[in-house]
C-alpha atoms as a PDB file:
ATOM      1  CA  MET A   1       0.000   0.000   0.000  1.00  0.00           C
ATOM      2  CA  ARG A   2       1.236   3.460  -0.882  1.00  0.00           C
ATOM      3  CA  CYS A   3       1.824   5.922   1.955  1.00  0.00           C
ATOM      4  CA  ARG A   4      -0.775   8.272   3.412  1.00  0.00           C
ATOM      5  CA  PRO A   5      -0.182  11.870   4.535  1.00  0.00           C
ATOM      6  CA  ILE A   6       0.494  12.550   8.187  1.00  0.00           C
ATOM      7  CA  GLN A   7       0.808  15.777  10.130  1.00  0.00           C
ATOM      8  CA  THR A   8       4.218  16.212  11.624  1.00  0.00           C
ATOM      9  CA  SER A   9       6.847  18.844  12.299  1.00  0.00           C
ATOM     10  CA  CYS A  10      10.533  18.752  11.481  1.00  0.00           C
ATOM     11  CA  GLY A  11      13.068  21.378  10.475  1.00  0.00           C
ATOM     12  CA  SER A  12      11.490  24.367   8.769  1.00  0.00           C
ATOM     13  CA  ILE A  13       8.242  22.549   7.919  1.00  0.00           C
ATOM     14  CA  SER A  14       5.594  23.064  10.603  1.00  0.00           C
ATOM     15  CA  VAL A  15       2.462  21.104  11.425  1.00  0.00           C
ATOM     16  CA  ASN A  16       0.304  23.769   9.805  1.00  0.00           C
ATOM     17  CA  ASN A  17       2.122  23.790   6.461  1.00  0.00           C
ATOM     18  CA  ALA A  18       3.463  20.241   6.199  1.00  0.00           C
ATOM     19  CA  PRO A  19       3.306  18.915   2.614  1.00  0.00           C
ATOM     20  CA  THR A  20       0.065  17.146   1.669  1.00  0.00           C
ATOM     21  CA  LEU A  21      -1.158  15.018  -1.202  1.00  0.00           C
ATOM     22  CA  ASP A  22      -1.953  18.245  -3.035  1.00  0.00           C
ATOM     23  CA  GLY A  23       1.558  19.611  -2.540  1.00  0.00           C
ATOM     24  CA  PRO A  24       4.886  18.733  -4.162  1.00  0.00           C
ATOM     25  CA  LEU A  25       5.881  15.108  -4.603  1.00  0.00           C
ATOM     26  CA  ILE A  26       9.155  15.651  -2.702  1.00  0.00           C
ATOM     27  CA  ALA A  27       9.872  18.342  -0.115  1.00  0.00           C
ATOM     28  CA  VAL A  28      13.272  18.310   1.573  1.00  0.00           C
ATOM     29  CA  ALA A  29      13.814  20.641   4.530  1.00  0.00           C
ATOM     30  CA  LYS A  30      17.164  21.621   6.079  1.00  0.00           C
ATOM     31  CA  LEU A  31      18.771  18.305   5.157  1.00  0.00           C
ATOM     32  CA  ASN A  32      22.256  17.659   6.553  1.00  0.00           C
ATOM     33  CA  GLN A  33      24.470  14.648   5.953  1.00  0.00           C
ATOM     34  CA  ALA A  34      27.954  13.787   7.184  1.00  0.00           C
ATOM     35  CA  TYR A  35      30.236  10.772   7.000  1.00  0.00           C
ATOM     36  CA  SER A  36      33.909   9.981   7.441  1.00  0.00           C
ATOM     37  CA  GLY A  37      34.236  13.140   9.524  1.00  0.00           C
ATOM     38  CA  SER A  38      33.100  15.425   6.701  1.00  0.00           C
ATOM     39  CA  HIS A  39      29.943  17.531   6.645  1.00  0.00           C
ATOM     40  CA  ILE A  40      28.723  16.900   3.084  1.00  0.00           C
ATOM     41  CA  LEU A  41      25.203  18.351   2.836  1.00  0.00           C
ATOM     42  CA  ARG A  42      24.378  21.609   4.581  1.00  0.00           C
ATOM     43  CA  ASP A  43      20.777  22.707   5.184  1.00  0.00           C
ATOM     44  CA  VAL A  44      19.543  21.576   1.781  1.00  0.00           C
ATOM     45  CA  ASP A  45      15.996  22.654   0.887  1.00  0.00           C
ATOM     46  CA  PHE A  46      14.677  20.984  -2.235  1.00  0.00           C
ATOM     47  CA  VAL A  47      11.205  20.712  -3.785  1.00  0.00           C
ATOM     48  CA  ILE A  48      10.153  18.490  -6.681  1.00  0.00           C
ATOM     49  CA  GLU A  49       6.767  19.253  -8.179  1.00  0.00           C
ATOM     50  CA  ARG A  50       4.560  16.439  -9.391  1.00  0.00           C
ATOM     51  CA  GLY A  51       4.959  15.635 -13.075  1.00  0.00           C
ATOM     52  CA  SER A  52       8.107  17.733 -13.447  1.00  0.00           C
ATOM     53  CA  VAL A  53      11.565  16.890 -14.721  1.00  0.00           C
ATOM     54  CA  THR A  54      14.014  18.498 -12.310  1.00  0.00           C
ATOM     55  CA  ALA A  55      17.733  18.685 -13.034  1.00  0.00           C
ATOM     56  CA  LEU A  56      20.261  18.717 -10.201  1.00  0.00           C
ATOM     57  CA  MET A  57      23.483  20.281 -11.432  1.00  0.00           C
ATOM     58  CA  GLY A  58      26.920  21.314 -10.215  1.00  0.00           C
ATOM     59  CA  ARG A  59      30.577  20.534 -10.651  1.00  0.00           C
ATOM     60  CA  ASN A  60      32.048  17.212  -9.543  1.00  0.00           C
ATOM     61  CA  GLY A  61      32.285  16.644  -5.811  1.00  0.00           C
ATOM     62  CA  VAL A  62      29.674  19.173  -4.684  1.00  0.00           C
ATOM     63  CA  GLY A  63      27.370  16.618  -3.051  1.00  0.00           C
ATOM     64  CA  LYS A  64      24.895  15.716  -5.801  1.00  0.00           C
ATOM     65  CA  THR A  65      25.201  11.934  -5.515  1.00  0.00           C
ATOM     66  CA  THR A  66      25.309  12.165  -1.724  1.00  0.00           C
ATOM     67  CA  PHE A  67      22.030  14.062  -1.867  1.00  0.00           C
ATOM     68  CA  LEU A  68      20.446  11.368  -4.035  1.00  0.00           C
ATOM     69  CA  LYS A  69      21.640   8.587  -1.747  1.00  0.00           C
ATOM     70  CA  THR A  70      20.323  10.422   1.312  1.00  0.00           C
ATOM     71  CA  LEU A  71      17.010  10.977  -0.460  1.00  0.00           C
ATOM     72  CA  LEU A  72      16.863   7.243  -1.119  1.00  0.00           C
ATOM     73  CA  GLY A  73      17.853   6.221   2.406  1.00  0.00           C
ATOM     74  CA  LEU A  74      21.135   4.699   1.244  1.00  0.00           C
ATOM     75  CA  LEU A  75      22.953   7.157   3.512  1.00  0.00           C
ATOM     76  CA  PRO A  76      21.692   8.271   6.933  1.00  0.00           C
ATOM     77  CA  THR A  77      20.390  11.768   7.556  1.00  0.00           C
ATOM     78  CA  LEU A  78      22.255  13.829  10.140  1.00  0.00           C
ATOM     79  CA  ASN A  79      19.211  16.047  10.577  1.00  0.00           C
ATOM     80  CA  GLY A  80      16.449  17.587   8.532  1.00  0.00           C
ATOM     81  CA  SER A  81      13.398  16.075   6.824  1.00  0.00           C
ATOM     82  CA  VAL A  82      12.421  14.295   3.629  1.00  0.00           C
ATOM     83  CA  TYR A  83       8.721  14.381   2.762  1.00  0.00           C
ATOM     84  CA  TYR A  84       7.289  12.202   0.012  1.00  0.00           C
ATOM     85  CA  ARG A  85       3.638  12.776  -0.938  1.00  0.00           C
ATOM     86  CA  GLY A  86       3.159  14.597   2.331  1.00  0.00           C
ATOM     87  CA  VAL A  87       4.660  11.855   4.501  1.00  0.00           C
ATOM     88  CA  ASP A  88       7.863  12.214   6.507  1.00  0.00           C
ATOM     89  CA  ILE A  89      10.007   9.340   5.176  1.00  0.00           C
ATOM     90  CA  THR A  90      13.278  10.571   6.678  1.00  0.00           C
ATOM     91  CA  HIS A  91      13.811   7.360   8.620  1.00  0.00           C
ATOM     92  CA  TRP A  92      12.298   4.909   6.163  1.00  0.00           C
ATOM     93  CA  SER A  93      14.482   2.136   4.775  1.00  0.00           C
ATOM     94  CA  THR A  94      15.568   2.164   1.156  1.00  0.00           C
ATOM     95  CA  GLN A  95      13.385  -0.888   0.524  1.00  0.00           C
ATOM     96  CA  ALA A  96      10.305   0.884   1.904  1.00  0.00           C
ATOM     97  CA  ARG A  97      10.937   3.913  -0.308  1.00  0.00           C
ATOM     98  CA  ALA A  98      11.288   1.676  -3.362  1.00  0.00           C
ATOM     99  CA  ARG A  99       8.053  -0.164  -2.569  1.00  0.00           C
ATOM    100  CA  ASP A 100       6.275   3.157  -2.213  1.00  0.00           C
ATOM    101  CA  GLY A 101       7.237   4.349  -5.674  1.00  0.00           C
ATOM    102  CA  ILE A 102      10.773   5.756  -5.750  1.00  0.00           C
ATOM    103  CA  GLY A 103      12.905   4.264  -8.532  1.00  0.00           C
ATOM    104  CA  TYR A 104      16.656   4.786  -8.826  1.00  0.00           C
ATOM    105  CA  VAL A 105      19.216   4.410 -11.604  1.00  0.00           C
ATOM    106  CA  PRO A 106      22.669   4.825 -10.021  1.00  0.00           C
ATOM    107  CA  GLN A 107      25.718   6.317 -11.643  1.00  0.00           C
ATOM    108  CA  GLY A 108      27.618   3.578 -13.447  1.00  0.00           C
ATOM    109  CA  ARG A 109      24.393   1.632 -14.107  1.00  0.00           C
ATOM    110  CA  MET A 110      25.152  -1.177 -11.606  1.00  0.00           C
ATOM    111  CA  ILE A 111      23.344  -3.910 -13.526  1.00  0.00           C
ATOM    112  CA  PHE A 112      24.034  -7.567 -12.734  1.00  0.00           C
ATOM    113  CA  PRO A 113      26.555  -8.528 -15.444  1.00  0.00           C
ATOM    114  CA  THR A 114      26.212 -12.302 -15.087  1.00  0.00           C
ATOM    115  CA  LEU A 115      22.402 -12.253 -15.210  1.00  0.00           C
ATOM    116  CA  THR A 116      20.460 -12.087 -18.456  1.00  0.00           C
ATOM    117  CA  VAL A 117      18.503  -9.000 -19.451  1.00  0.00           C
ATOM    118  CA  GLU A 118      15.292 -10.768 -18.454  1.00  0.00           C
ATOM    119  CA  GLU A 119      16.725 -11.797 -15.087  1.00  0.00           C
ATOM    120  CA  ASN A 120      17.918  -8.236 -14.410  1.00  0.00           C
ATOM    121  CA  LEU A 121      14.386  -6.996 -15.013  1.00  0.00           C
ATOM    122  CA  ARG A 122      12.747  -9.733 -12.960  1.00  0.00           C
ATOM    123  CA  VAL A 123      14.927  -8.944  -9.960  1.00  0.00           C
ATOM    124  CA  ALA A 124      13.278  -5.532  -9.793  1.00  0.00           C
ATOM    125  CA  LEU A 125       9.778  -7.025  -9.600  1.00  0.00           C
ATOM    126  CA  ALA A 126      10.398  -7.822  -5.935  1.00  0.00           C
ATOM    127  CA  ALA A 127      10.216  -4.095  -5.153  1.00  0.00           C
ATOM    128  CA  ARG A 128       6.682  -3.700  -6.532  1.00  0.00           C
ATOM    129  CA  SER A 129       3.988  -3.098  -3.944  1.00  0.00           C
ATOM    130  CA  ASP A 130       1.381  -4.948  -6.043  1.00  0.00           C
ATOM    131  CA  LYS A 131       3.508  -8.145  -6.244  1.00  0.00           C
ATOM    132  CA  ARG A 132       3.162  -8.195 -10.027  1.00  0.00           C
ATOM    133  CA  SER A 133       5.122 -11.152 -11.412  1.00  0.00           C
ATOM    134  CA  PHE A 134       5.622 -10.187 -15.063  1.00  0.00           C
ATOM    135  CA  ILE A 135       7.690  -7.497 -16.748  1.00  0.00           C
ATOM    136  CA  PRO A 136       5.565  -4.550 -17.971  1.00  0.00           C
ATOM    137  CA  ALA A 137       5.421  -4.351 -21.760  1.00  0.00           C
ATOM    138  CA  SER A 138       5.865  -0.592 -21.492  1.00  0.00           C
ATOM    139  CA  VAL A 139       9.594  -0.954 -20.783  1.00  0.00           C
ATOM    140  CA  PHE A 140      10.036  -2.625 -24.163  1.00  0.00           C
ATOM    141  CA  ASP A 141       7.967   0.092 -25.835  1.00  0.00           C
ATOM    142  CA  LEU A 142      10.502   2.610 -24.499  1.00  0.00           C
ATOM    143  CA  PHE A 143      13.571   0.481 -25.242  1.00  0.00           C
ATOM    144  CA  PRO A 144      12.677  -2.013 -28.015  1.00  0.00           C
ATOM    145  CA  VAL A 145      16.246  -3.304 -28.302  1.00  0.00           C
ATOM    146  CA  LEU A 146      15.926  -4.987 -24.889  1.00  0.00           C
ATOM    147  CA  ALA A 147      13.111  -7.209 -26.144  1.00  0.00           C
ATOM    148  CA  THR A 148      15.536  -8.713 -28.662  1.00  0.00           C
ATOM    149  CA  MET A 149      18.209  -9.348 -26.030  1.00  0.00           C
ATOM    150  CA  LEU A 150      16.291 -10.966 -23.189  1.00  0.00           C
ATOM    151  CA  GLN A 151      18.613 -13.967 -22.973  1.00  0.00           C
ATOM    152  CA  ARG A 152      21.878 -12.041 -23.341  1.00  0.00           C
ATOM    153  CA  ARG A 153      23.910 -11.432 -20.235  1.00  0.00           C
ATOM    154  CA  GLY A 154      23.952  -7.876 -18.984  1.00  0.00           C
ATOM    155  CA  GLY A 155      27.732  -7.765 -19.099  1.00  0.00           C
ATOM    156  CA  ASP A 156      27.696  -8.530 -22.826  1.00  0.00           C
ATOM    157  CA  LEU A 157      25.674  -5.429 -23.700  1.00  0.00           C
ATOM    158  CA  SER A 158      27.204  -2.180 -24.868  1.00  0.00           C
ATOM    159  CA  GLY A 159      27.426   0.708 -22.430  1.00  0.00           C
ATOM    160  CA  GLY A 160      24.383   2.380 -23.945  1.00  0.00           C
ATOM    161  CA  GLN A 161      22.360  -0.829 -23.856  1.00  0.00           C
ATOM    162  CA  GLN A 162      23.342  -1.361 -20.220  1.00  0.00           C
ATOM    163  CA  GLN A 163      22.089   2.134 -19.411  1.00  0.00           C
ATOM    164  CA  GLN A 164      18.803   1.383 -21.130  1.00  0.00           C
ATOM    165  CA  LEU A 165      18.582  -1.837 -19.112  1.00  0.00           C
ATOM    166  CA  ALA A 166      19.282   0.038 -15.874  1.00  0.00           C
ATOM    167  CA  ILE A 167      16.486   2.520 -16.609  1.00  0.00           C
ATOM    168  CA  ALA A 168      14.113  -0.267 -17.666  1.00  0.00           C
ATOM    169  CA  ARG A 169      14.901  -2.137 -14.445  1.00  0.00           C
ATOM    170  CA  ALA A 170      13.939   0.920 -12.394  1.00  0.00           C
ATOM    171  CA  LEU A 171      10.741   1.352 -14.420  1.00  0.00           C
ATOM    172  CA  THR A 172       9.810  -2.274 -13.777  1.00  0.00           C
ATOM    173  CA  THR A 173       9.156  -1.281 -10.145  1.00  0.00           C
ATOM    174  CA  ASP A 174       6.352   1.073 -11.315  1.00  0.00           C
ATOM    175  CA  PRO A 175       7.798   4.248  -9.750  1.00  0.00           C
ATOM    176  CA  ASP A 176       6.045   7.566  -9.270  1.00  0.00           C
ATOM    177  CA  LEU A 177       9.448   9.244  -8.961  1.00  0.00           C
ATOM    178  CA  LEU A 178      12.359   8.183 -11.168  1.00  0.00           C
ATOM    179  CA  ILE A 179      15.823   9.303 -10.031  1.00  0.00           C
ATOM    180  CA  LEU A 180      18.665   9.166 -12.567  1.00  0.00           C
ATOM    181  CA  ASP A 181      22.295   9.785 -11.660  1.00  0.00           C
ATOM    182  CA  GLU A 182      24.405  10.784 -14.692  1.00  0.00           C
ATOM    183  CA  PRO A 183      22.471   8.636 -17.208  1.00  0.00           C
ATOM    184  CA  CYS A 184      24.413  10.009 -20.185  1.00  0.00           C
ATOM    185  CA  GLU A 185      27.884   9.360 -18.789  1.00  0.00           C
ATOM    186  CA  GLY A 186      30.004   7.456 -21.305  1.00  0.00           C
ATOM    187  CA  ILE A 187      27.065   6.877 -23.665  1.00  0.00           C
ATOM    188  CA  GLN A 188      27.136   7.322 -27.428  1.00  0.00           C
ATOM    189  CA  PRO A 189      25.067  10.262 -28.782  1.00  0.00           C
ATOM    190  CA  SER A 190      22.396   8.093 -30.441  1.00  0.00           C
ATOM    191  CA  ILE A 191      21.599   6.364 -27.135  1.00  0.00           C
ATOM    192  CA  VAL A 192      21.657   9.696 -25.289  1.00  0.00           C
ATOM    193  CA  GLN A 193      18.950  10.885 -27.681  1.00  0.00           C
ATOM    194  CA  GLU A 194      16.901   7.728 -27.089  1.00  0.00           C
ATOM    195  CA  ILE A 195      17.172   8.168 -23.319  1.00  0.00           C
ATOM    196  CA  GLY A 196      16.049  11.772 -23.646  1.00  0.00           C
ATOM    197  CA  GLU A 197      13.032  10.755 -25.715  1.00  0.00           C
ATOM    198  CA  ALA A 198      12.174   8.054 -23.162  1.00  0.00           C
ATOM    199  CA  ILE A 199      12.256  10.564 -20.307  1.00  0.00           C
ATOM    200  CA  LYS A 200      10.017  12.969 -22.217  1.00  0.00           C
ATOM    201  CA  THR A 201       7.574  10.136 -22.934  1.00  0.00           C
ATOM    202  CA  LEU A 202       7.451   9.130 -19.272  1.00  0.00           C
ATOM    203  CA  GLN A 203       6.778  12.704 -18.196  1.00  0.00           C
ATOM    204  CA  ARG A 204       4.349  13.778 -20.923  1.00  0.00           C
ATOM    205  CA  GLU A 205       2.345  10.594 -21.456  1.00  0.00           C
ATOM    206  CA  LEU A 206       2.516   8.944 -18.033  1.00  0.00           C
ATOM    207  CA  GLY A 207       2.882  11.982 -15.805  1.00  0.00           C
ATOM    208  CA  MET A 208       5.967  10.528 -14.141  1.00  0.00           C
ATOM    209  CA  THR A 209       8.125  12.802 -12.007  1.00  0.00           C
ATOM    210  CA  VAL A 210      11.847  12.694 -12.784  1.00  0.00           C
ATOM    211  CA  LEU A 211      14.892  13.923 -10.870  1.00  0.00           C
ATOM    212  CA  ILE A 212      18.082  13.795 -12.890  1.00  0.00           C
ATOM    213  CA  VAL A 213      21.702  14.570 -12.101  1.00  0.00           C
ATOM    214  CA  GLU A 214      23.362  15.463 -15.367  1.00  0.00           C
ATOM    215  CA  GLN A 215      26.371  17.446 -16.605  1.00  0.00           C
ATOM    216  CA  ARG A 216      25.334  17.875 -20.229  1.00  0.00           C
ATOM    217  CA  LEU A 217      23.635  21.240 -20.379  1.00  0.00           C
ATOM    218  CA  ARG A 218      22.198  20.710 -23.848  1.00  0.00           C
ATOM    219  CA  PHE A 219      20.603  17.446 -22.715  1.00  0.00           C
ATOM    220  CA  VAL A 220      19.207  19.088 -19.586  1.00  0.00           C
ATOM    221  CA  ARG A 221      17.660  21.908 -21.611  1.00  0.00           C
ATOM    222  CA  SER A 222      15.973  19.360 -23.894  1.00  0.00           C
ATOM    223  CA  ILE A 223      14.122  17.522 -21.117  1.00  0.00           C
ATOM    224  CA  ALA A 224      13.985  19.467 -17.837  1.00  0.00           C
ATOM    225  CA  SER A 225      11.496  22.046 -16.566  1.00  0.00           C
ATOM    226  CA  ASP A 226      13.280  23.032 -13.347  1.00  0.00           C
ATOM    227  CA  PHE A 227      16.821  23.113 -12.001  1.00  0.00           C
ATOM    228  CA  TYR A 228      18.825  23.163  -8.788  1.00  0.00           C
ATOM    229  CA  ILE A 229      22.526  23.978  -8.607  1.00  0.00           C
ATOM    230  CA  MET A 230      24.698  22.783  -5.736  1.00  0.00           C
ATOM    231  CA  GLU A 231      28.112  23.941  -4.558  1.00  0.00           C
ATOM    232  CA  ARG A 232      29.948  22.684  -1.476  1.00  0.00           C
ATOM    233  CA  GLY A 233      26.947  20.745  -0.266  1.00  0.00           C
ATOM    234  CA  GLN A 234      24.529  23.667  -0.477  1.00  0.00           C
ATOM    235  CA  VAL A 235      21.863  24.765  -2.940  1.00  0.00           C
ATOM    236  CA  ARG A 236      23.108  27.955  -4.566  1.00  0.00           C
ATOM    237  CA  ALA A 237      20.419  28.536  -7.183  1.00  0.00           C
ATOM    238  CA  ASN A 238      17.149  27.041  -8.349  1.00  0.00           C
ATOM    239  CA  GLY A 239      14.119  27.848 -10.458  1.00  0.00           C
ATOM    240  CA  SER A 240      12.581  27.362 -13.870  1.00  0.00           C
ATOM    241  CA  LEU A 241      15.079  26.183 -16.463  1.00  0.00           C
ATOM    242  CA  ASP A 242      14.228  29.311 -18.456  1.00  0.00           C
ATOM    243  CA  ASN A 243      16.064  31.247 -15.728  1.00  0.00           C
ATOM    244  CA  LEU A 244      19.292  29.266 -16.044  1.00  0.00           C
ATOM    245  CA  GLY A 245      21.358  31.968 -17.688  1.00  0.00           C
ATOM    246  CA  ASP A 246      24.969  32.513 -18.667  1.00  0.00           C
ATOM    247  CA  GLU A 247      25.911  34.089 -15.336  1.00  0.00           C
ATOM    248  CA  LEU A 248      24.858  31.053 -13.302  1.00  0.00           C
ATOM    249  CA  ILE A 249      26.441  28.694 -15.807  1.00  0.00           C
ATOM    250  CA  ALA A 250      29.767  30.532 -15.653  1.00  0.00           C
ATOM    251  CA  LYS A 251      29.723  30.777 -11.863  1.00  0.00           C
ATOM    252  CA  TYR A 252      28.687  27.249 -10.934  1.00  0.00           C
ATOM    253  CA  LEU A 253      28.875  24.906 -13.934  1.00  0.00           C
ATOM    254  CA  THR A 254      31.762  25.870 -16.196  1.00  0.00           C
ATOM    255  CA  VAL A 255      34.890  23.784 -15.576  1.00  0.00           C
END
């Protein structure tokens, strides 16, 4: 069963204005994270509107992946709150977040190289809340090449095909929120275009909400509606992608 809204208070979100089912899909308030003696995330506020494609940007090492892992429960929260559909999930396990509709494609794809394409997809079925036992046909509509490679081992696929498999595996869980960490890294341009078209299809036709960490500005502009920029573990700028101008790019994104 998917989560229900509760009234709670944590960080800067009070009982009277806690997120509800009518509010944003994700609302992060004053999130801090530290490990190995380093304070990585510092008072991060972050909102993801339902049905949006939000890009999280910034130079290497600014805390983007740490933020994603904290959002997913893969890393513990030092303090602050994570609300999902109006529910405080700050202390939920990663498995509970996945069952409740948060899908994740990690940087580097992380498929199972010795399992077949079909087996990689079936592994993800365990995270579905409805206990569905068959792979949704929609993943093959998005990535038709996978349907022709069901019995090939994941490790035998090209980098681009592995990325498509990783995204399809996340979609097999039937997520409401799809989180992608550097999906275009090391991928040939033709596959990058296919991934972009898949994301636009998910958002426009299915109403799926997407959070993407990505360095390619041209790709981001082609798919995203909103952006956040991080530096040194803090959010430095955010807004509509139309407001991502040359000054912000030069200050926070140019290497």
